């Protein structure tokens, strides 16, 4: 299993975990790297792992993901331009009947950073530490931008 972006929580790091059987296939030194063991990166990874293994943390992530998905689904009921809301956990997408580039620009102007997943899908991938309060702020911005665009 490979780990990278999420492991360092924004600090560059990568890691590989494997079974003994798989590890036997590595020639000595084949898995080494120039910047391996960087103290800043490893400290960030350790702090991230401590947070991820904190009791109840992943339950909170699941709850906030379900809350965000539900809020987006409710938004779809009020906006015919929304074709589908989908996602799992905190990886969420809202498919529109038109290109989302203008909406992404409007959201950026409102202080919300998100991106596309194809021309018509608005993708959300907030950090695992996001709370319902932040989701509410994002939802208010989305609603305002949709109204501004006439969607």
Protein backbone atom coordinates (compact mmCIF):
# COMPACT_ATOMS: atom_id res chain seq x y z
CA UNK A 1 0.00 0.00 0.00
CA UNK A 2 1.32 3.44 -0.86
CA UNK A 3 0.65 6.56 1.19
CA UNK A 4 1.54 10.11 0.22
CA UNK A 5 -0.43 13.36 0.24
CA UNK A 6 -2.72 12.62 3.17
CA UNK A 7 0.04 11.12 5.27
CA UNK A 8 1.88 14.42 5.68
CA UNK A 9 -1.26 16.56 5.86
CA UNK A 10 0.23 19.00 3.34
CA UNK A 11 3.91 18.34 4.07
CA UNK A 12 5.60 16.28 1.30
CA UNK A 13 6.11 12.64 2.25
CA UNK A 14 5.53 9.21 0.78
CA UNK A 15 5.55 5.76 2.30
CA UNK A 16 5.17 2.15 1.27
CA UNK A 17 3.75 -0.60 3.43
CA UNK A 18 3.86 -4.20 2.31
CA UNK A 19 3.85 -7.78 3.54
CA UNK A 20 7.06 -9.66 4.19
CA UNK A 21 6.41 -11.71 1.05
CA UNK A 22 6.31 -8.59 -1.12
CA UNK A 23 9.32 -7.07 0.66
CA UNK A 24 11.41 -10.14 -0.21
CA UNK A 25 11.18 -9.03 -3.86
CA UNK A 26 13.11 -5.81 -3.20
CA UNK A 27 16.82 -5.86 -3.89
CA UNK A 28 18.81 -4.21 -1.07
CA UNK A 29 18.53 -0.43 -1.47
CA UNK A 30 15.89 -0.63 -4.22
CA UNK A 31 13.31 1.08 -2.05
CA UNK A 32 15.59 3.88 -0.78
CA UNK A 33 15.16 7.53 -1.68
CA UNK A 34 17.20 10.72 -1.64
CA UNK A 35 15.10 12.54 0.93
CA UNK A 36 14.03 9.55 3.03
CA UNK A 37 13.65 10.15 6.75
CA UNK A 38 13.31 13.94 6.57
CA UNK A 39 12.62 15.02 10.18
CA UNK A 40 9.94 17.58 9.31
CA UNK A 41 8.07 15.18 7.04
CA UNK A 42 8.24 12.28 9.47
CA UNK A 43 7.07 14.50 12.36
CA UNK A 44 4.10 15.64 10.24
CA UNK A 45 3.30 12.03 9.32
CA UNK A 46 3.45 10.96 12.97
CA UNK A 47 1.12 13.79 14.02
CA UNK A 48 -1.27 12.88 11.20
CA UNK A 49 -1.31 9.20 12.19
CA UNK A 50 -1.91 10.13 15.84
CA UNK A 51 -4.93 12.20 14.80
CA UNK A 52 -6.30 9.52 12.47
CA UNK A 53 -6.11 6.88 15.19
CA UNK A 54 -7.70 9.08 17.86
CA UNK A 55 -10.85 7.38 19.21
CA UNK A 56 -13.95 8.63 17.42
CA UNK A 57 -12.08 10.64 14.78
CA UNK A 58 -13.17 8.58 11.79
CA UNK A 59 -16.73 8.44 13.16
CA UNK A 60 -16.76 12.26 13.10
CA UNK A 61 -15.45 12.20 9.53
CA UNK A 62 -18.28 9.84 8.54
CA UNK A 63 -20.87 12.04 10.26
CA UNK A 64 -19.67 15.25 8.61
CA UNK A 65 -19.50 13.53 5.22
CA UNK A 66 -23.11 12.35 5.57
CA UNK A 67 -24.14 15.83 6.70
CA UNK A 68 -22.43 17.50 3.72
CA UNK A 69 -23.94 14.99 1.28
CA UNK A 70 -27.40 15.57 2.77
CA UNK A 71 -27.02 19.34 2.51
CA UNK A 72 -25.97 19.04 -1.14
CA UNK A 73 -28.91 16.71 -1.85
CA UNK A 74 -31.25 19.28 -0.32
CA UNK A 75 -29.71 21.94 -2.54
CA UNK A 76 -30.45 19.76 -5.58
CA UNK A 77 -34.15 19.84 -4.73
CA UNK A 78 -34.16 23.62 -5.15
CA UNK A 79 -31.99 23.89 -8.26
CA UNK A 80 -33.00 22.19 -11.51
CA UNK A 81 -29.48 22.74 -12.87
CA UNK A 82 -28.22 20.01 -10.49
CA UNK A 83 -28.40 16.64 -12.22
CA UNK A 84 -26.95 14.45 -9.46
CA UNK A 85 -25.26 14.60 -6.08
CA UNK A 86 -22.90 11.75 -5.28
CA UNK A 87 -20.02 10.82 -3.09
CA UNK A 88 -18.67 8.81 -0.25
CA UNK A 89 -17.22 10.13 2.97
CA UNK A 90 -15.82 13.56 2.24
CA UNK A 91 -15.19 13.01 -1.48
CA UNK A 92 -18.31 14.56 -2.98
CA UNK A 93 -19.47 15.61 -6.41
CA UNK A 94 -22.34 17.70 -7.71
CA UNK A 95 -23.15 17.18 -11.38
CA UNK A 96 -24.73 20.09 -13.21
CA UNK A 97 -26.44 20.31 -16.59
CA UNK A 98 -23.79 22.82 -17.73
CA UNK A 99 -20.05 23.45 -17.34
CA UNK A 100 -19.08 24.33 -13.76
CA UNK A 101 -16.17 26.68 -14.58
CA UNK A 102 -18.25 29.83 -13.89
CA UNK A 103 -19.42 28.39 -10.56
CA UNK A 104 -15.87 27.48 -9.56
CA UNK A 105 -14.79 31.07 -10.30
CA UNK A 106 -17.69 32.52 -8.33
CA UNK A 107 -16.94 30.24 -5.38
CA UNK A 108 -13.28 31.23 -5.46
CA UNK A 109 -14.34 34.89 -5.33
CA UNK A 110 -16.42 33.92 -2.28
CA UNK A 111 -13.39 32.33 -0.62
CA UNK A 112 -14.23 28.70 -1.37
CA UNK A 113 -11.64 26.60 -3.17
CA UNK A 114 -13.00 23.61 -5.07
CA UNK A 115 -12.37 22.06 -8.44
CA UNK A 116 -13.98 20.16 -11.25
CA UNK A 117 -14.20 16.44 -11.84
CA UNK A 118 -14.93 16.73 -15.54
CA UNK A 119 -16.58 19.69 -17.23
CA UNK A 120 -19.96 19.48 -15.44
CA UNK A 121 -19.06 18.16 -11.99
CA UNK A 122 -18.13 20.29 -9.00
CA UNK A 123 -15.85 18.27 -6.71
CA UNK A 124 -15.43 18.74 -2.98
CA UNK A 125 -12.60 17.13 -1.07
CA UNK A 126 -12.33 18.97 2.25
CA UNK A 127 -9.78 18.02 4.89
CA UNK A 128 -10.76 15.29 7.32
CA UNK A 129 -10.84 17.82 10.16
CA UNK A 130 -13.65 19.86 8.57
CA UNK A 131 -16.63 20.45 10.84
CA UNK A 132 -20.31 21.09 10.28
CA UNK A 133 -19.77 24.82 10.78
CA UNK A 134 -17.39 24.95 7.83
CA UNK A 135 -19.80 22.88 5.75
CA UNK A 136 -22.55 25.37 6.57
CA UNK A 137 -20.32 28.24 5.37
CA UNK A 138 -19.57 26.39 2.12
CA UNK A 139 -23.26 25.68 1.59
CA UNK A 140 -24.17 29.34 2.10
CA UNK A 141 -21.55 30.33 -0.47
CA UNK A 142 -22.78 27.73 -2.97
CA UNK A 143 -26.37 28.90 -2.61
CA UNK A 144 -25.36 32.54 -3.05
CA UNK A 145 -23.25 31.74 -6.12
CA UNK A 146 -25.99 29.66 -7.72
CA UNK A 147 -28.43 32.53 -7.23
CA UNK A 148 -25.89 35.03 -8.58
CA UNK A 149 -25.38 32.90 -11.70
CA UNK A 150 -29.10 32.25 -12.13
CA UNK A 151 -28.66 28.50 -11.90
